[in-house]
N, C-alpha and C. Protein backbone atom coordinates (compact mmCIF):
# COMPACT_ATOMS: atom_id res chain seq x y z
N UNK A 1 0.10 -28.88 25.81
CA UNK A 1 0.80 -28.94 24.55
C UNK A 1 0.10 -28.09 23.49
N UNK A 2 -1.22 -28.07 23.48
CA UNK A 2 -1.92 -27.30 22.45
C UNK A 2 -1.72 -25.79 22.65
N UNK A 3 -1.58 -25.35 23.91
CA UNK A 3 -1.31 -23.94 24.17
C UNK A 3 0.05 -23.57 23.58
N UNK A 4 1.01 -24.45 23.76
CA UNK A 4 2.35 -24.22 23.20
C UNK A 4 2.28 -24.11 21.68
N UNK A 5 1.54 -25.00 21.05
CA UNK A 5 1.41 -24.97 19.59
C UNK A 5 0.69 -23.70 19.14
N UNK A 6 -0.31 -23.29 19.90
CA UNK A 6 -1.04 -22.05 19.57
C UNK A 6 -0.11 -20.84 19.67
N UNK A 7 0.72 -20.82 20.68
CA UNK A 7 1.67 -19.72 20.84
C UNK A 7 2.68 -19.69 19.69
N UNK A 8 3.13 -20.85 19.29
CA UNK A 8 4.08 -20.94 18.17
C UNK A 8 3.41 -20.44 16.88
N UNK A 9 2.18 -20.87 16.64
CA UNK A 9 1.44 -20.42 15.44
C UNK A 9 1.24 -18.90 15.48
N UNK A 10 0.89 -18.39 16.65
CA UNK A 10 0.68 -16.95 16.79
C UNK A 10 1.97 -16.19 16.50
N UNK A 11 3.08 -16.65 17.04
CA UNK A 11 4.38 -16.00 16.82
C UNK A 11 4.77 -16.07 15.34
N UNK A 12 4.52 -17.20 14.72
CA UNK A 12 4.82 -17.34 13.29
C UNK A 12 3.97 -16.39 12.46
N UNK A 13 2.70 -16.25 12.81
CA UNK A 13 1.80 -15.35 12.09
C UNK A 13 2.27 -13.91 12.26
N UNK A 14 2.64 -13.53 13.46
CA UNK A 14 3.14 -12.17 13.69
C UNK A 14 4.40 -11.91 12.88
N UNK A 15 5.29 -12.88 12.86
CA UNK A 15 6.53 -12.72 12.09
C UNK A 15 6.22 -12.60 10.60
N UNK A 16 5.30 -13.40 10.12
CA UNK A 16 4.91 -13.35 8.71
C UNK A 16 4.30 -11.98 8.38
N UNK A 17 3.43 -11.48 9.26
CA UNK A 17 2.84 -10.16 9.06
C UNK A 17 3.91 -9.08 9.05
N UNK A 18 4.87 -9.18 9.95
CA UNK A 18 5.94 -8.18 10.03
C UNK A 18 6.80 -8.21 8.77
N UNK A 19 7.11 -9.40 8.27
CA UNK A 19 7.91 -9.50 7.05
C UNK A 19 7.15 -8.91 5.85
N UNK A 20 5.85 -9.15 5.79
CA UNK A 20 5.03 -8.55 4.73
C UNK A 20 5.04 -7.03 4.85
N UNK A 21 4.94 -6.54 6.07
CA UNK A 21 4.97 -5.10 6.31
C UNK A 21 6.29 -4.50 5.82
N UNK A 22 7.40 -5.16 6.13
CA UNK A 22 8.71 -4.66 5.71
C UNK A 22 8.83 -4.61 4.19
N UNK A 23 8.33 -5.63 3.52
CA UNK A 23 8.37 -5.65 2.05
C UNK A 23 7.54 -4.51 1.47
N UNK A 24 6.37 -4.31 2.03
CA UNK A 24 5.52 -3.21 1.57
C UNK A 24 6.16 -1.86 1.86
N UNK A 25 6.84 -1.75 2.99
CA UNK A 25 7.51 -0.50 3.35
C UNK A 25 8.59 -0.16 2.32
N UNK A 26 9.34 -1.15 1.90
CA UNK A 26 10.36 -0.93 0.86
C UNK A 26 9.72 -0.47 -0.44
N UNK A 27 8.63 -1.11 -0.82
CA UNK A 27 7.92 -0.75 -2.04
C UNK A 27 7.38 0.69 -1.93
N UNK A 28 6.83 1.02 -0.78
CA UNK A 28 6.30 2.38 -0.56
C UNK A 28 7.40 3.42 -0.71
N UNK A 29 8.55 3.16 -0.12
CA UNK A 29 9.67 4.09 -0.22
C UNK A 29 10.12 4.24 -1.68
N UNK A 30 10.11 3.16 -2.42
CA UNK A 30 10.47 3.21 -3.85
C UNK A 30 9.50 4.11 -4.60
N UNK A 31 8.22 3.94 -4.37
CA UNK A 31 7.21 4.75 -5.03
C UNK A 31 7.32 6.23 -4.63
N UNK A 32 7.64 6.48 -3.38
CA UNK A 32 7.83 7.86 -2.92
C UNK A 32 9.01 8.49 -3.64
N UNK A 33 10.11 7.75 -3.73
CA UNK A 33 11.30 8.27 -4.43
C UNK A 33 11.00 8.56 -5.90
N UNK A 34 10.21 7.69 -6.53
CA UNK A 34 9.82 7.91 -7.92
C UNK A 34 9.01 9.20 -8.06
N UNK A 35 8.06 9.41 -7.16
CA UNK A 35 7.23 10.61 -7.20
C UNK A 35 8.09 11.86 -6.98
N UNK A 36 9.02 11.80 -6.04
CA UNK A 36 9.91 12.93 -5.78
C UNK A 36 10.76 13.24 -7.01
N UNK A 37 11.29 12.21 -7.62
CA UNK A 37 12.12 12.39 -8.80
C UNK A 37 11.34 13.04 -9.94
N UNK A 38 10.14 12.55 -10.19
CA UNK A 38 9.31 13.13 -11.25
C UNK A 38 8.95 14.59 -10.93
N UNK A 39 8.64 14.84 -9.68
CA UNK A 39 8.29 16.20 -9.26
C UNK A 39 9.47 17.15 -9.46
N UNK A 40 10.66 16.70 -9.09
CA UNK A 40 11.86 17.53 -9.26
C UNK A 40 12.11 17.85 -10.73
N UNK A 41 11.71 16.94 -11.61
CA UNK A 41 11.89 17.14 -13.05
C UNK A 41 10.75 17.95 -13.67
N UNK A 42 9.78 18.31 -12.86
CA UNK A 42 8.65 19.07 -13.37
C UNK A 42 7.65 18.23 -14.14
N UNK A 43 7.74 16.93 -13.99
CA UNK A 43 6.82 16.02 -14.69
C UNK A 43 5.64 15.70 -13.80
N UNK A 44 4.56 15.25 -14.43
CA UNK A 44 3.39 14.88 -13.64
C UNK A 44 3.65 13.56 -12.92
N UNK A 45 3.03 13.42 -11.76
CA UNK A 45 3.20 12.21 -10.96
C UNK A 45 1.91 11.95 -10.20
N UNK A 46 1.81 10.76 -9.70
CA UNK A 46 0.64 10.36 -8.93
C UNK A 46 1.08 9.72 -7.63
N UNK A 47 0.26 9.85 -6.63
CA UNK A 47 0.53 9.19 -5.34
C UNK A 47 -0.34 7.95 -5.16
N UNK A 48 -1.02 7.54 -6.21
CA UNK A 48 -1.95 6.41 -6.11
C UNK A 48 -1.26 5.12 -5.66
N UNK A 49 -0.12 4.80 -6.28
CA UNK A 49 0.59 3.56 -5.92
C UNK A 49 1.10 3.63 -4.48
N UNK A 50 1.58 4.81 -4.09
CA UNK A 50 2.07 4.99 -2.72
C UNK A 50 0.94 4.69 -1.74
N UNK A 51 -0.21 5.28 -1.99
CA UNK A 51 -1.32 5.14 -1.05
C UNK A 51 -1.98 3.77 -1.09
N UNK A 52 -1.91 3.11 -2.22
CA UNK A 52 -2.41 1.72 -2.28
C UNK A 52 -1.57 0.84 -1.34
N UNK A 53 -0.25 1.01 -1.42
CA UNK A 53 0.65 0.25 -0.55
C UNK A 53 0.45 0.67 0.90
N UNK A 54 0.28 1.97 1.13
CA UNK A 54 0.07 2.47 2.50
C UNK A 54 -1.16 1.83 3.13
N UNK A 55 -2.23 1.74 2.36
CA UNK A 55 -3.46 1.13 2.89
C UNK A 55 -3.24 -0.35 3.24
N UNK A 56 -2.50 -1.04 2.38
CA UNK A 56 -2.19 -2.45 2.67
C UNK A 56 -1.37 -2.56 3.95
N UNK A 57 -0.37 -1.68 4.09
CA UNK A 57 0.47 -1.70 5.28
C UNK A 57 -0.36 -1.45 6.53
N UNK A 58 -1.24 -0.46 6.46
CA UNK A 58 -2.05 -0.10 7.63
C UNK A 58 -3.08 -1.16 7.98
N UNK A 59 -3.38 -2.05 7.04
CA UNK A 59 -4.35 -3.11 7.32
C UNK A 59 -3.72 -4.32 8.02
N UNK A 60 -2.39 -4.35 8.05
CA UNK A 60 -1.71 -5.45 8.73
C UNK A 60 -1.79 -5.21 10.24
N UNK A 61 -2.29 -6.17 10.98
CA UNK A 61 -2.51 -5.97 12.42
C UNK A 61 -1.23 -6.06 13.26
N UNK A 62 -0.43 -5.01 13.20
CA UNK A 62 0.79 -4.96 14.00
C UNK A 62 0.69 -3.80 14.99
N UNK A 63 0.92 -4.06 16.23
CA UNK A 63 0.87 -2.99 17.23
C UNK A 63 2.22 -2.32 17.42
N UNK A 64 3.27 -2.92 16.88
CA UNK A 64 4.62 -2.43 17.16
C UNK A 64 5.09 -1.36 16.18
N UNK A 65 4.28 -1.06 15.16
CA UNK A 65 4.67 -0.05 14.18
C UNK A 65 3.57 1.00 14.06
N UNK A 66 3.96 2.26 13.89
CA UNK A 66 2.94 3.30 13.74
C UNK A 66 2.27 3.22 12.37
N UNK A 67 1.04 3.67 12.31
CA UNK A 67 0.31 3.70 11.06
C UNK A 67 0.99 4.69 10.11
N UNK A 68 1.08 4.33 8.85
CA UNK A 68 1.68 5.20 7.85
C UNK A 68 0.64 6.17 7.32
N UNK A 69 1.08 7.38 7.01
CA UNK A 69 0.17 8.42 6.55
C UNK A 69 -0.03 8.34 5.04
N UNK A 70 -1.22 8.75 4.62
CA UNK A 70 -1.53 8.87 3.20
C UNK A 70 -0.71 10.05 2.66
N UNK A 71 -0.17 9.88 1.46
CA UNK A 71 0.67 10.90 0.83
C UNK A 71 -0.14 11.62 -0.24
N UNK A 72 -0.07 12.94 -0.24
CA UNK A 72 -0.76 13.73 -1.26
C UNK A 72 0.28 14.32 -2.22
N UNK A 73 -0.19 14.74 -3.37
CA UNK A 73 0.69 15.41 -4.33
C UNK A 73 1.27 16.68 -3.70
N UNK A 74 0.47 17.36 -2.89
CA UNK A 74 0.93 18.57 -2.23
C UNK A 74 2.06 18.27 -1.25
N UNK A 75 1.97 17.14 -0.57
CA UNK A 75 3.02 16.74 0.36
C UNK A 75 4.33 16.54 -0.38
N UNK A 76 4.28 15.87 -1.51
CA UNK A 76 5.48 15.63 -2.31
C UNK A 76 6.05 16.96 -2.79
N UNK A 77 5.18 17.84 -3.30
CA UNK A 77 5.62 19.14 -3.79
C UNK A 77 6.27 19.95 -2.68
N UNK A 78 5.68 19.96 -1.50
CA UNK A 78 6.25 20.68 -0.36
C UNK A 78 7.63 20.13 0.00
N UNK A 79 7.77 18.82 -0.01
CA UNK A 79 9.04 18.19 0.29
C UNK A 79 10.11 18.62 -0.71
N UNK A 80 9.75 18.58 -1.99
CA UNK A 80 10.70 18.96 -3.04
C UNK A 80 11.09 20.43 -2.90
N UNK A 81 10.13 21.27 -2.62
CA UNK A 81 10.42 22.71 -2.45
C UNK A 81 11.34 22.97 -1.27
N UNK A 82 11.15 22.23 -0.18
CA UNK A 82 12.01 22.42 1.01
C UNK A 82 13.41 21.89 0.78
N UNK A 83 13.54 20.88 -0.08
CA UNK A 83 14.85 20.26 -0.27
C UNK A 83 15.72 20.97 -1.31
N UNK A 84 15.19 21.98 -1.92
CA UNK A 84 15.96 22.71 -2.94
C UNK A 84 16.80 23.77 -2.31
């Protein structure tokens, strides 16, 4: 019975970690869109919030999702230039 309870706790923890990851992923995408928008307008922007969230996401012990990359200002600028 204790093995069964341990498995249930483990599954619940994994699900909780995955839900946290999804919430952070949404926040990361929001911050990326903000940086892109500011860049397109020629305004200054920072990738600090994006990378703070990225580090949190990468610290969640999930094997089923790839690690997210750190975003640089140059990466955002290159993206904006390609999309024009």
